[in-house]
């Protein structure tokens, strides 16, 4: 009988080669200087307040509301605490601006028209191939935690939202979309692609994206690109399907699934998976807002925080075993 320990695959070991720089970047994440500067006074209030008879003109700019929510998500502050937190920063810094009232913050979050900001990351701009990886994960909207469920032996009765991310080869989140939990991953691909200005040379997704509509949407966005999606188990070659899918089936027939993963670089899918882990660890695994409009903006702001942290510095590792 074969010993299971003999055929068990050894775990890979990696070494971080830029530990000094990465260590400093982790420290900078907690610095208020990353968010607050002396120029903030010029963008905090609306420049031209016009009374058009529809109500009190807005006093605070969209940029101020967005910055307040970035601090809220980054430092895990409820809105009332956030108001006092931001005002204390302004007072200590001798700035004349003040934080919007917590009710204003809550109301204005719903009206923000946000887009995913991309922060340049120069050390990874010259990578050999431009890659986009797509994936999704669940964020809890409300419900009991695991301890309550185990202690009282009750149904958790959780409600989830689903966040979809498109991540490039430099770990930058290029597109973000929040949906209800019943939305299929493949349905949102066209909307994610609409947020990406620059075509990529390779698009990677898991088996949930193995639909004709996904292949057509990617082909329309980036003609002649490589599409790396594992075909379903019962898939067969057909002229009705995209040529990239038929190519994957030919490689699997000849070299097996493992060979296909190596030849098509399917392992790069971990860019998206890592982004999901970072979102849950840094931003959190639950939504803070109650309605879907605020939650969508909250998800974009959360992803933009990760992009800012990515630009500051990420670990560069090499395999040693």
C-alpha atoms as a PDB file:
ATOM      1  CA  UNK A   1       0.000   0.000   0.000  1.00  0.00           C
ATOM      2  CA  UNK A   2       1.285   3.465  -0.893  1.00  0.00           C
ATOM      3  CA  UNK A   3       2.056   5.688   2.043  1.00  0.00           C
ATOM      4  CA  UNK A   4      -0.088   8.832   1.792  1.00  0.00           C
ATOM      5  CA  UNK A   5       2.675  10.943   3.274  1.00  0.00           C
ATOM      6  CA  UNK A   6       4.964   9.914   0.392  1.00  0.00           C
ATOM      7  CA  UNK A   7       2.636  11.214  -2.314  1.00  0.00           C
ATOM      8  CA  UNK A   8       1.537  14.315  -0.441  1.00  0.00           C
ATOM      9  CA  UNK A   9       2.532  17.428  -2.354  1.00  0.00           C
ATOM     10  CA  UNK A  10       5.072  19.538  -0.509  1.00  0.00           C
ATOM     11  CA  UNK A  11       3.991  23.059   0.347  1.00  0.00           C
ATOM     12  CA  UNK A  12       5.859  25.812  -1.405  1.00  0.00           C
ATOM     13  CA  UNK A  13       8.059  28.222   0.531  1.00  0.00           C
ATOM     14  CA  UNK A  14       8.652  31.809  -0.474  1.00  0.00           C
ATOM     15  CA  UNK A  15      10.970  34.553   0.746  1.00  0.00           C
ATOM     16  CA  UNK A  16      10.161  38.264   0.702  1.00  0.00           C
ATOM     17  CA  UNK A  17      13.014  40.087  -1.020  1.00  0.00           C
ATOM     18  CA  UNK A  18      11.954  43.673  -0.248  1.00  0.00           C
ATOM     19  CA  UNK A  19      11.156  43.296   3.434  1.00  0.00           C
ATOM     20  CA  UNK A  20      12.607  46.689   4.457  1.00  0.00           C
ATOM     21  CA  UNK A  21      10.507  48.628   1.929  1.00  0.00           C
ATOM     22  CA  UNK A  22       7.397  46.556   2.605  1.00  0.00           C
ATOM     23  CA  UNK A  23       7.794  47.000   6.364  1.00  0.00           C
ATOM     24  CA  UNK A  24       7.902  50.782   5.900  1.00  0.00           C
ATOM     25  CA  UNK A  25       4.838  50.670   3.649  1.00  0.00           C
ATOM     26  CA  UNK A  26       2.878  48.828   6.343  1.00  0.00           C
ATOM     27  CA  UNK A  27       3.758  51.589   8.802  1.00  0.00           C
ATOM     28  CA  UNK A  28       2.661  54.281   6.352  1.00  0.00           C
ATOM     29  CA  UNK A  29      -0.801  52.718   6.089  1.00  0.00           C
ATOM     30  CA  UNK A  30      -1.550  53.980   9.589  1.00  0.00           C
ATOM     31  CA  UNK A  31      -0.276  57.501   8.961  1.00  0.00           C
ATOM     32  CA  UNK A  32      -2.877  60.269   8.790  1.00  0.00           C
ATOM     33  CA  UNK A  33      -0.536  62.094   6.407  1.00  0.00           C
ATOM     34  CA  UNK A  34      -1.626  59.563   3.783  1.00  0.00           C
ATOM     35  CA  UNK A  35      -5.140  61.063   3.869  1.00  0.00           C
ATOM     36  CA  UNK A  36      -4.870  64.612   5.269  1.00  0.00           C
ATOM     37  CA  UNK A  37      -2.777  67.421   3.761  1.00  0.00           C
ATOM     38  CA  UNK A  38      -2.755  71.227   3.930  1.00  0.00           C
ATOM     39  CA  UNK A  39      -4.404  71.347   0.457  1.00  0.00           C
ATOM     40  CA  UNK A  40      -7.533  69.771   1.913  1.00  0.00           C
ATOM     41  CA  UNK A  41      -8.967  73.198   2.754  1.00  0.00           C
ATOM     42  CA  UNK A  42      -9.229  74.072  -0.926  1.00  0.00           C
ATOM     43  CA  UNK A  43     -11.366  71.029  -1.832  1.00  0.00           C
ATOM     44  CA  UNK A  44     -13.381  70.512   1.352  1.00  0.00           C
ATOM     45  CA  UNK A  45     -16.293  72.857   0.628  1.00  0.00           C
ATOM     46  CA  UNK A  46     -18.344  73.398  -2.535  1.00  0.00           C
ATOM     47  CA  UNK A  47     -16.691  76.125  -4.596  1.00  0.00           C
ATOM     48  CA  UNK A  48     -19.894  77.596  -6.037  1.00  0.00           C
ATOM     49  CA  UNK A  49     -22.993  77.260  -3.899  1.00  0.00           C
ATOM     50  CA  UNK A  50     -26.022  78.149  -6.008  1.00  0.00           C
ATOM     51  CA  UNK A  51     -29.483  78.462  -4.504  1.00  0.00           C
ATOM     52  CA  UNK A  52     -31.784  77.245  -7.290  1.00  0.00           C
ATOM     53  CA  UNK A  53     -34.876  76.925  -5.119  1.00  0.00           C
ATOM     54  CA  UNK A  54     -34.685  73.148  -4.762  1.00  0.00           C
ATOM     55  CA  UNK A  55     -33.328  73.228  -1.213  1.00  0.00           C
ATOM     56  CA  UNK A  56     -30.306  74.305   0.769  1.00  0.00           C
ATOM     57  CA  UNK A  57     -27.198  74.302  -1.471  1.00  0.00           C
ATOM     58  CA  UNK A  58     -24.598  71.670  -0.657  1.00  0.00           C
ATOM     59  CA  UNK A  59     -21.919  72.939   1.681  1.00  0.00           C
ATOM     60  CA  UNK A  60     -19.464  70.040   1.417  1.00  0.00           C
ATOM     61  CA  UNK A  61     -17.870  68.718  -1.758  1.00  0.00           C
ATOM     62  CA  UNK A  62     -18.098  65.108  -2.913  1.00  0.00           C
ATOM     63  CA  UNK A  63     -14.350  64.835  -2.284  1.00  0.00           C
ATOM     64  CA  UNK A  64     -14.859  65.614   1.417  1.00  0.00           C
ATOM     65  CA  UNK A  65     -17.592  62.988   1.762  1.00  0.00           C
ATOM     66  CA  UNK A  66     -15.431  60.404   0.029  1.00  0.00           C
ATOM     67  CA  UNK A  67     -12.421  61.180   2.210  1.00  0.00           C
ATOM     68  CA  UNK A  68     -14.549  60.892   5.346  1.00  0.00           C
ATOM     69  CA  UNK A  69     -15.732  57.429   4.277  1.00  0.00           C
ATOM     70  CA  UNK A  70     -12.177  56.386   3.443  1.00  0.00           C
ATOM     71  CA  UNK A  71     -11.189  57.235   7.011  1.00  0.00           C
ATOM     72  CA  UNK A  72     -14.290  55.468   8.318  1.00  0.00           C
ATOM     73  CA  UNK A  73     -13.482  52.186   6.555  1.00  0.00           C
ATOM     74  CA  UNK A  74      -9.737  52.392   7.116  1.00  0.00           C
ATOM     75  CA  UNK A  75      -9.922  53.128  10.859  1.00  0.00           C
ATOM     76  CA  UNK A  76     -13.202  51.253  11.573  1.00  0.00           C
ATOM     77  CA  UNK A  77     -15.165  54.237  12.898  1.00  0.00           C
ATOM     78  CA  UNK A  78     -18.970  54.552  13.261  1.00  0.00           C
ATOM     79  CA  UNK A  79     -20.267  57.816  11.774  1.00  0.00           C
ATOM     80  CA  UNK A  80     -20.635  59.697  15.069  1.00  0.00           C
ATOM     81  CA  UNK A  81     -17.157  58.700  16.187  1.00  0.00           C
ATOM     82  CA  UNK A  82     -15.877  59.518  12.725  1.00  0.00           C
ATOM     83  CA  UNK A  83     -17.179  63.063  12.992  1.00  0.00           C
ATOM     84  CA  UNK A  84     -15.313  63.631  16.255  1.00  0.00           C
ATOM     85  CA  UNK A  85     -12.224  61.849  14.925  1.00  0.00           C
ATOM     86  CA  UNK A  86     -11.944  64.034  11.815  1.00  0.00           C
ATOM     87  CA  UNK A  87     -12.670  67.267  13.696  1.00  0.00           C
ATOM     88  CA  UNK A  88      -9.945  66.457  16.222  1.00  0.00           C
ATOM     89  CA  UNK A  89      -7.450  66.007  13.363  1.00  0.00           C
ATOM     90  CA  UNK A  90      -8.416  69.393  11.899  1.00  0.00           C
ATOM     91  CA  UNK A  91      -8.158  71.137  15.264  1.00  0.00           C
ATOM     92  CA  UNK A  92      -4.730  69.674  16.022  1.00  0.00           C
ATOM     93  CA  UNK A  93      -3.562  70.581  12.500  1.00  0.00           C
ATOM     94  CA  UNK A  94      -4.880  74.161  12.813  1.00  0.00           C
ATOM     95  CA  UNK A  95      -7.095  73.684   9.753  1.00  0.00           C
ATOM     96  CA  UNK A  96     -10.208  75.827   9.436  1.00  0.00           C
ATOM     97  CA  UNK A  97     -12.412  73.108   7.893  1.00  0.00           C
ATOM     98  CA  UNK A  98     -14.791  70.913   9.872  1.00  0.00           C
ATOM     99  CA  UNK A  99     -16.301  67.485   9.290  1.00  0.00           C
ATOM    100  CA  UNK A 100     -19.868  67.225   7.970  1.00  0.00           C
ATOM    101  CA  UNK A 101     -22.494  66.157  10.486  1.00  0.00           C
ATOM    102  CA  UNK A 102     -22.912  62.380  10.685  1.00  0.00           C
ATOM    103  CA  UNK A 103     -26.420  62.644   9.200  1.00  0.00           C
ATOM    104  CA  UNK A 104     -25.005  64.572   6.234  1.00  0.00           C
ATOM    105  CA  UNK A 105     -22.355  61.906   5.741  1.00  0.00           C
ATOM    106  CA  UNK A 106     -24.977  59.165   5.710  1.00  0.00           C
ATOM    107  CA  UNK A 107     -27.281  61.029   3.323  1.00  0.00           C
ATOM    108  CA  UNK A 108     -24.572  62.136   0.900  1.00  0.00           C
ATOM    109  CA  UNK A 109     -22.969  58.698   0.618  1.00  0.00           C
ATOM    110  CA  UNK A 110     -25.993  57.573  -1.385  1.00  0.00           C
ATOM    111  CA  UNK A 111     -25.615  60.376  -3.944  1.00  0.00           C
ATOM    112  CA  UNK A 112     -21.905  59.994  -4.717  1.00  0.00           C
ATOM    113  CA  UNK A 113     -21.079  59.131  -8.328  1.00  0.00           C
ATOM    114  CA  UNK A 114     -17.882  57.180  -7.751  1.00  0.00           C
ATOM    115  CA  UNK A 115     -15.433  55.571 -10.140  1.00  0.00           C
ATOM    116  CA  UNK A 116     -12.537  53.312  -9.298  1.00  0.00           C
ATOM    117  CA  UNK A 117      -9.393  55.456  -8.909  1.00  0.00           C
ATOM    118  CA  UNK A 118      -6.205  53.829 -10.185  1.00  0.00           C
ATOM    119  CA  UNK A 119      -3.071  54.827  -8.298  1.00  0.00           C
ATOM    120  CA  UNK A 120       0.144  54.492 -10.364  1.00  0.00           C
ATOM    121  CA  UNK A 121       2.562  51.800  -9.211  1.00  0.00           C
ATOM    122  CA  UNK A 122       5.659  52.527 -11.252  1.00  0.00           C
ATOM    123  CA  UNK A 123       7.795  49.553 -10.253  1.00  0.00           C
ATOM    124  CA  UNK A 124       5.290  47.177 -11.856  1.00  0.00           C
ATOM    125  CA  UNK A 125       4.385  49.264 -14.915  1.00  0.00           C
ATOM    126  CA  UNK A 126       6.811  47.393 -17.192  1.00  0.00           C
ATOM    127  CA  UNK A 127       5.667  43.829 -16.565  1.00  0.00           C
ATOM    128  CA  UNK A 128       5.855  41.535 -19.594  1.00  0.00           C
ATOM    129  CA  UNK A 129       2.124  40.852 -19.909  1.00  0.00           C
ATOM    130  CA  UNK A 130      -0.983  42.828 -18.975  1.00  0.00           C
ATOM    131  CA  UNK A 131      -3.364  40.512 -17.117  1.00  0.00           C
ATOM    132  CA  UNK A 132      -6.871  40.960 -15.732  1.00  0.00           C
ATOM    133  CA  UNK A 133      -8.245  38.395 -13.268  1.00  0.00           C
ATOM    134  CA  UNK A 134     -11.894  38.347 -12.212  1.00  0.00           C
ATOM    135  CA  UNK A 135     -13.521  36.827  -9.142  1.00  0.00           C
ATOM    136  CA  UNK A 136     -16.213  37.437  -6.520  1.00  0.00           C
ATOM    137  CA  UNK A 137     -16.851  36.862  -2.830  1.00  0.00           C
ATOM    138  CA  UNK A 138     -19.607  37.442  -0.280  1.00  0.00           C
ATOM    139  CA  UNK A 139     -19.869  40.291   2.229  1.00  0.00           C
ATOM    140  CA  UNK A 140     -22.276  39.880   5.125  1.00  0.00           C
ATOM    141  CA  UNK A 141     -25.074  42.439   5.196  1.00  0.00           C
ATOM    142  CA  UNK A 142     -26.422  41.443   8.590  1.00  0.00           C
ATOM    143  CA  UNK A 143     -26.760  38.332  10.742  1.00  0.00           C
ATOM    144  CA  UNK A 144     -25.400  36.561  13.800  1.00  0.00           C
ATOM    145  CA  UNK A 145     -21.745  35.611  14.032  1.00  0.00           C
ATOM    146  CA  UNK A 146     -20.296  32.104  14.378  1.00  0.00           C
ATOM    147  CA  UNK A 147     -20.083  32.247  18.190  1.00  0.00           C
ATOM    148  CA  UNK A 148     -23.783  33.036  18.581  1.00  0.00           C
ATOM    149  CA  UNK A 149     -24.660  30.264  16.141  1.00  0.00           C
ATOM    150  CA  UNK A 150     -22.549  27.641  17.937  1.00  0.00           C
ATOM    151  CA  UNK A 151     -23.547  28.650  21.471  1.00  0.00           C
ATOM    152  CA  UNK A 152     -27.300  28.757  20.931  1.00  0.00           C
ATOM    153  CA  UNK A 153     -27.514  26.155  18.145  1.00  0.00           C
ATOM    154  CA  UNK A 154     -29.554  28.489  15.938  1.00  0.00           C
ATOM    155  CA  UNK A 155     -29.722  29.309  12.267  1.00  0.00           C
ATOM    156  CA  UNK A 156     -27.461  32.302  11.551  1.00  0.00           C
ATOM    157  CA  UNK A 157     -30.082  33.884   9.219  1.00  0.00           C
ATOM    158  CA  UNK A 158     -27.444  35.850   7.359  1.00  0.00           C
ATOM    159  CA  UNK A 159     -27.978  38.055   4.335  1.00  0.00           C
ATOM    160  CA  UNK A 160     -25.130  38.594   1.910  1.00  0.00           C
ATOM    161  CA  UNK A 161     -24.051  40.952  -0.809  1.00  0.00           C
ATOM    162  CA  UNK A 162     -21.649  39.888  -3.524  1.00  0.00           C
ATOM    163  CA  UNK A 163     -18.604  41.950  -4.502  1.00  0.00           C
ATOM    164  CA  UNK A 164     -17.043  41.381  -7.927  1.00  0.00           C
ATOM    165  CA  UNK A 165     -13.483  42.571  -8.578  1.00  0.00           C
ATOM    166  CA  UNK A 166     -11.252  42.778 -11.642  1.00  0.00           C
ATOM    167  CA  UNK A 167      -7.581  42.866 -10.624  1.00  0.00           C
ATOM    168  CA  UNK A 168      -4.509  43.444 -12.799  1.00  0.00           C
ATOM    169  CA  UNK A 169      -0.998  41.978 -12.646  1.00  0.00           C
ATOM    170  CA  UNK A 170       0.216  44.726 -10.274  1.00  0.00           C
ATOM    171  CA  UNK A 171      -2.544  43.925  -7.719  1.00  0.00           C
ATOM    172  CA  UNK A 172      -4.473  47.080  -8.625  1.00  0.00           C
ATOM    173  CA  UNK A 173      -8.259  46.726  -8.592  1.00  0.00           C
ATOM    174  CA  UNK A 174      -9.404  47.964 -11.995  1.00  0.00           C
ATOM    175  CA  UNK A 175     -13.134  47.439 -11.550  1.00  0.00           C
ATOM    176  CA  UNK A 176     -15.534  46.826  -8.689  1.00  0.00           C
ATOM    177  CA  UNK A 177     -19.226  46.013  -8.567  1.00  0.00           C
ATOM    178  CA  UNK A 178     -21.570  45.089  -5.710  1.00  0.00           C
ATOM    179  CA  UNK A 179     -24.674  42.982  -6.372  1.00  0.00           C
ATOM    180  CA  UNK A 180     -27.152  40.855  -4.470  1.00  0.00           C
ATOM    181  CA  UNK A 181     -26.120  37.307  -3.662  1.00  0.00           C
ATOM    182  CA  UNK A 182     -28.260  35.730  -6.394  1.00  0.00           C
ATOM    183  CA  UNK A 183     -26.464  37.502  -9.251  1.00  0.00           C
ATOM    184  CA  UNK A 184     -24.359  35.044 -11.249  1.00  0.00           C
ATOM    185  CA  UNK A 185     -20.686  35.885 -11.699  1.00  0.00           C
ATOM    186  CA  UNK A 186     -20.920  35.729 -15.483  1.00  0.00           C
ATOM    187  CA  UNK A 187     -23.721  38.322 -15.619  1.00  0.00           C
ATOM    188  CA  UNK A 188     -21.561  41.196 -14.372  1.00  0.00           C
ATOM    189  CA  UNK A 189     -18.548  40.718 -16.666  1.00  0.00           C
ATOM    190  CA  UNK A 190     -19.690  43.283 -19.307  1.00  0.00           C
ATOM    191  CA  UNK A 191     -20.216  45.929 -16.620  1.00  0.00           C
ATOM    192  CA  UNK A 192     -16.816  45.207 -15.068  1.00  0.00           C
ATOM    193  CA  UNK A 193     -15.133  45.467 -18.463  1.00  0.00           C
ATOM    194  CA  UNK A 194     -16.808  48.835 -19.099  1.00  0.00           C
ATOM    195  CA  UNK A 195     -14.844  50.205 -16.135  1.00  0.00           C
ATOM    196  CA  UNK A 196     -11.500  49.112 -17.630  1.00  0.00           C
ATOM    197  CA  UNK A 197     -10.053  51.592 -20.139  1.00  0.00           C
ATOM    198  CA  UNK A 198      -6.920  49.734 -21.232  1.00  0.00           C
ATOM    199  CA  UNK A 199      -7.299  46.310 -22.931  1.00  0.00           C
ATOM    200  CA  UNK A 200      -5.320  43.441 -21.414  1.00  0.00           C
ATOM    201  CA  UNK A 201      -3.430  40.651 -23.126  1.00  0.00           C
ATOM    202  CA  UNK A 202      -4.853  37.877 -20.920  1.00  0.00           C
ATOM    203  CA  UNK A 203      -8.139  37.554 -19.011  1.00  0.00           C
ATOM    204  CA  UNK A 204      -8.437  34.884 -16.334  1.00  0.00           C
ATOM    205  CA  UNK A 205     -11.508  33.658 -14.456  1.00  0.00           C
ATOM    206  CA  UNK A 206     -12.665  30.486 -12.728  1.00  0.00           C
ATOM    207  CA  UNK A 207     -15.190  27.979 -14.019  1.00  0.00           C
ATOM    208  CA  UNK A 208     -18.171  30.178 -13.105  1.00  0.00           C
ATOM    209  CA  UNK A 209     -17.324  32.390 -16.099  1.00  0.00           C
ATOM    210  CA  UNK A 210     -17.471  29.554 -18.644  1.00  0.00           C
ATOM    211  CA  UNK A 211     -20.342  30.985 -20.722  1.00  0.00           C
ATOM    212  CA  UNK A 212     -20.587  32.185 -24.307  1.00  0.00           C
ATOM    213  CA  UNK A 213     -21.617  35.657 -23.154  1.00  0.00           C
ATOM    214  CA  UNK A 214     -18.418  36.077 -21.139  1.00  0.00           C
ATOM    215  CA  UNK A 215     -16.187  35.065 -24.059  1.00  0.00           C
ATOM    216  CA  UNK A 216     -18.064  37.452 -26.368  1.00  0.00           C
ATOM    217  CA  UNK A 217     -17.857  40.340 -23.881  1.00  0.00           C
ATOM    218  CA  UNK A 218     -14.095  39.896 -23.410  1.00  0.00           C
ATOM    219  CA  UNK A 219     -13.534  39.565 -27.169  1.00  0.00           C
ATOM    220  CA  UNK A 220     -15.477  42.788 -27.750  1.00  0.00           C
ATOM    221  CA  UNK A 221     -13.485  44.649 -25.093  1.00  0.00           C
ATOM    222  CA  UNK A 222     -10.039  43.274 -25.994  1.00  0.00           C
ATOM    223  CA  UNK A 223      -9.880  41.665 -29.459  1.00  0.00           C
ATOM    224  CA  UNK A 224      -7.342  38.859 -29.963  1.00  0.00           C
ATOM    225  CA  UNK A 225      -6.720  38.537 -26.231  1.00  0.00           C
ATOM    226  CA  UNK A 226      -6.044  35.232 -24.463  1.00  0.00           C
ATOM    227  CA  UNK A 227      -9.063  34.061 -22.440  1.00  0.00           C
ATOM    228  CA  UNK A 228      -8.207  31.587 -19.682  1.00  0.00           C
ATOM    229  CA  UNK A 229     -11.317  29.973 -18.172  1.00  0.00           C
ATOM    230  CA  UNK A 230     -11.428  26.271 -17.210  1.00  0.00           C
ATOM    231  CA  UNK A 231     -14.131  24.542 -19.306  1.00  0.00           C
ATOM    232  CA  UNK A 232     -16.742  22.511 -17.451  1.00  0.00           C
ATOM    233  CA  UNK A 233     -16.122  18.774 -17.068  1.00  0.00           C
ATOM    234  CA  UNK A 234     -18.526  17.691 -19.816  1.00  0.00           C
ATOM    235  CA  UNK A 235     -17.384  20.342 -22.321  1.00  0.00           C
ATOM    236  CA  UNK A 236     -16.667  19.387 -25.924  1.00  0.00           C
ATOM    237  CA  UNK A 237     -15.195  21.387 -28.791  1.00  0.00           C
ATOM    238  CA  UNK A 238     -17.685  23.183 -31.002  1.00  0.00           C
ATOM    239  CA  UNK A 239     -17.694  25.887 -33.672  1.00  0.00           C
ATOM    240  CA  UNK A 240     -20.462  27.569 -31.703  1.00  0.00           C
ATOM    241  CA  UNK A 241     -17.987  28.364 -28.917  1.00  0.00           C
ATOM    242  CA  UNK A 242     -15.096  30.815 -28.880  1.00  0.00           C
ATOM    243  CA  UNK A 243     -11.788  29.638 -30.355  1.00  0.00           C
ATOM    244  CA  UNK A 244      -9.996  30.244 -27.042  1.00  0.00           C
ATOM    245  CA  UNK A 245     -12.286  27.754 -25.287  1.00  0.00           C
ATOM    246  CA  UNK A 246     -11.727  25.132 -27.982  1.00  0.00           C
ATOM    247  CA  UNK A 247      -7.996  25.720 -27.644  1.00  0.00           C
ATOM    248  CA  UNK A 248      -8.217  25.068 -23.897  1.00  0.00           C
ATOM    249  CA  UNK A 249     -10.068  21.790 -24.543  1.00  0.00           C
ATOM    250  CA  UNK A 250      -7.356  20.664 -26.967  1.00  0.00           C
ATOM    251  CA  UNK A 251      -4.624  21.403 -24.419  1.00  0.00           C
ATOM    252  CA  UNK A 252      -6.495  19.560 -21.662  1.00  0.00           C
ATOM    253  CA  UNK A 253      -6.987  16.505 -23.899  1.00  0.00           C
ATOM    254  CA  UNK A 254      -3.283  16.435 -24.737  1.00  0.00           C
ATOM    255  CA  UNK A 255      -1.600  17.557 -21.500  1.00  0.00           C
ATOM    256  CA  UNK A 256      -4.258  17.185 -18.782  1.00  0.00           C
ATOM    257  CA  UNK A 257      -5.655  19.842 -16.461  1.00  0.00           C
ATOM    258  CA  UNK A 258      -2.309  20.362 -14.730  1.00  0.00           C
ATOM    259  CA  UNK A 259      -0.560  20.949 -18.027  1.00  0.00           C
ATOM    260  CA  UNK A 260      -3.311  23.351 -19.106  1.00  0.00           C
ATOM    261  CA  UNK A 261      -2.909  25.383 -15.899  1.00  0.00           C
ATOM    262  CA  UNK A 262       0.822  25.801 -16.509  1.00  0.00           C
ATOM    263  CA  UNK A 263       0.603  26.508 -20.238  1.00  0.00           C
ATOM    264  CA  UNK A 264      -2.271  29.003 -19.887  1.00  0.00           C
ATOM    265  CA  UNK A 265      -0.937  30.611 -16.667  1.00  0.00           C
ATOM    266  CA  UNK A 266      -4.144  29.884 -14.793  1.00  0.00           C
ATOM    267  CA  UNK A 267      -2.237  30.225 -11.515  1.00  0.00           C
ATOM    268  CA  UNK A 268      -2.340  34.000 -12.033  1.00  0.00           C
ATOM    269  CA  UNK A 269      -5.967  33.770 -10.883  1.00  0.00           C
ATOM    270  CA  UNK A 270      -4.547  34.148  -7.381  1.00  0.00           C
ATOM    271  CA  UNK A 271      -4.280  37.917  -8.020  1.00  0.00           C
ATOM    272  CA  UNK A 272      -8.070  38.172  -7.724  1.00  0.00           C
ATOM    273  CA  UNK A 273      -8.238  35.675  -4.851  1.00  0.00           C
ATOM    274  CA  UNK A 274      -5.608  37.646  -2.935  1.00  0.00           C
ATOM    275  CA  UNK A 275      -7.567  40.865  -3.509  1.00  0.00           C
ATOM    276  CA  UNK A 276     -10.637  39.218  -1.931  1.00  0.00           C
ATOM    277  CA  UNK A 277      -8.597  38.180   1.113  1.00  0.00           C
ATOM    278  CA  UNK A 278      -7.095  41.655   1.457  1.00  0.00           C
ATOM    279  CA  UNK A 279     -10.536  43.277   1.252  1.00  0.00           C
ATOM    280  CA  UNK A 280     -11.908  41.117   4.051  1.00  0.00           C
ATOM    281  CA  UNK A 281      -8.832  41.482   6.271  1.00  0.00           C
ATOM    282  CA  UNK A 282      -8.293  45.224   5.817  1.00  0.00           C
ATOM    283  CA  UNK A 283     -11.782  46.601   5.106  1.00  0.00           C
ATOM    284  CA  UNK A 284     -13.851  43.840   6.715  1.00  0.00           C
ATOM    285  CA  UNK A 285     -16.121  40.951   5.756  1.00  0.00           C
ATOM    286  CA  UNK A 286     -19.397  42.816   6.237  1.00  0.00           C
ATOM    287  CA  UNK A 287     -21.246  45.846   4.911  1.00  0.00           C
ATOM    288  CA  UNK A 288     -21.702  48.900   7.141  1.00  0.00           C
ATOM    289  CA  UNK A 289     -24.417  50.722   5.199  1.00  0.00           C
ATOM    290  CA  UNK A 290     -28.004  49.481   5.102  1.00  0.00           C
ATOM    291  CA  UNK A 291     -29.282  50.130   1.562  1.00  0.00           C
ATOM    292  CA  UNK A 292     -27.801  48.936  -1.714  1.00  0.00           C
ATOM    293  CA  UNK A 293     -26.971  52.418  -3.096  1.00  0.00           C
ATOM    294  CA  UNK A 294     -24.767  53.286  -0.117  1.00  0.00           C
ATOM    295  CA  UNK A 295     -23.310  49.785  -0.065  1.00  0.00           C
ATOM    296  CA  UNK A 296     -22.201  50.048  -3.710  1.00  0.00           C
ATOM    297  CA  UNK A 297     -20.321  53.272  -2.993  1.00  0.00           C
ATOM    298  CA  UNK A 298     -18.902  51.743   0.184  1.00  0.00           C
ATOM    299  CA  UNK A 299     -17.501  48.836  -1.851  1.00  0.00           C
ATOM    300  CA  UNK A 300     -15.840  51.208  -4.350  1.00  0.00           C
ATOM    301  CA  UNK A 301     -14.309  53.249  -1.532  1.00  0.00           C
ATOM    302  CA  UNK A 302     -13.061  50.070   0.138  1.00  0.00           C
ATOM    303  CA  UNK A 303     -11.417  48.916  -3.094  1.00  0.00           C
ATOM    304  CA  UNK A 304      -9.857  52.361  -3.604  1.00  0.00           C
ATOM    305  CA  UNK A 305      -8.267  52.111  -0.139  1.00  0.00           C
ATOM    306  CA  UNK A 306      -6.650  48.826  -1.165  1.00  0.00           C
ATOM    307  CA  UNK A 307      -5.329  50.487  -4.328  1.00  0.00           C
ATOM    308  CA  UNK A 308      -3.750  53.249  -2.272  1.00  0.00           C
ATOM    309  CA  UNK A 309      -2.117  50.676   0.021  1.00  0.00           C
ATOM    310  CA  UNK A 310      -0.908  48.737  -3.032  1.00  0.00           C
ATOM    311  CA  UNK A 311       0.713  51.864  -4.461  1.00  0.00           C
ATOM    312  CA  UNK A 312       2.576  52.449  -1.205  1.00  0.00           C
ATOM    313  CA  UNK A 313       4.209  49.032  -1.406  1.00  0.00           C
ATOM    314  CA  UNK A 314       3.562  45.309  -1.740  1.00  0.00           C
ATOM    315  CA  UNK A 315       5.783  42.336  -0.819  1.00  0.00           C
ATOM    316  CA  UNK A 316       7.922  40.917  -3.609  1.00  0.00           C
ATOM    317  CA  UNK A 317       8.579  37.239  -2.968  1.00  0.00           C
ATOM    318  CA  UNK A 318      10.528  34.481  -4.678  1.00  0.00           C
ATOM    319  CA  UNK A 319      10.122  30.747  -4.300  1.00  0.00           C
ATOM    320  CA  UNK A 320      12.916  29.135  -2.282  1.00  0.00           C
ATOM    321  CA  UNK A 321      11.526  25.588  -1.914  1.00  0.00           C
END
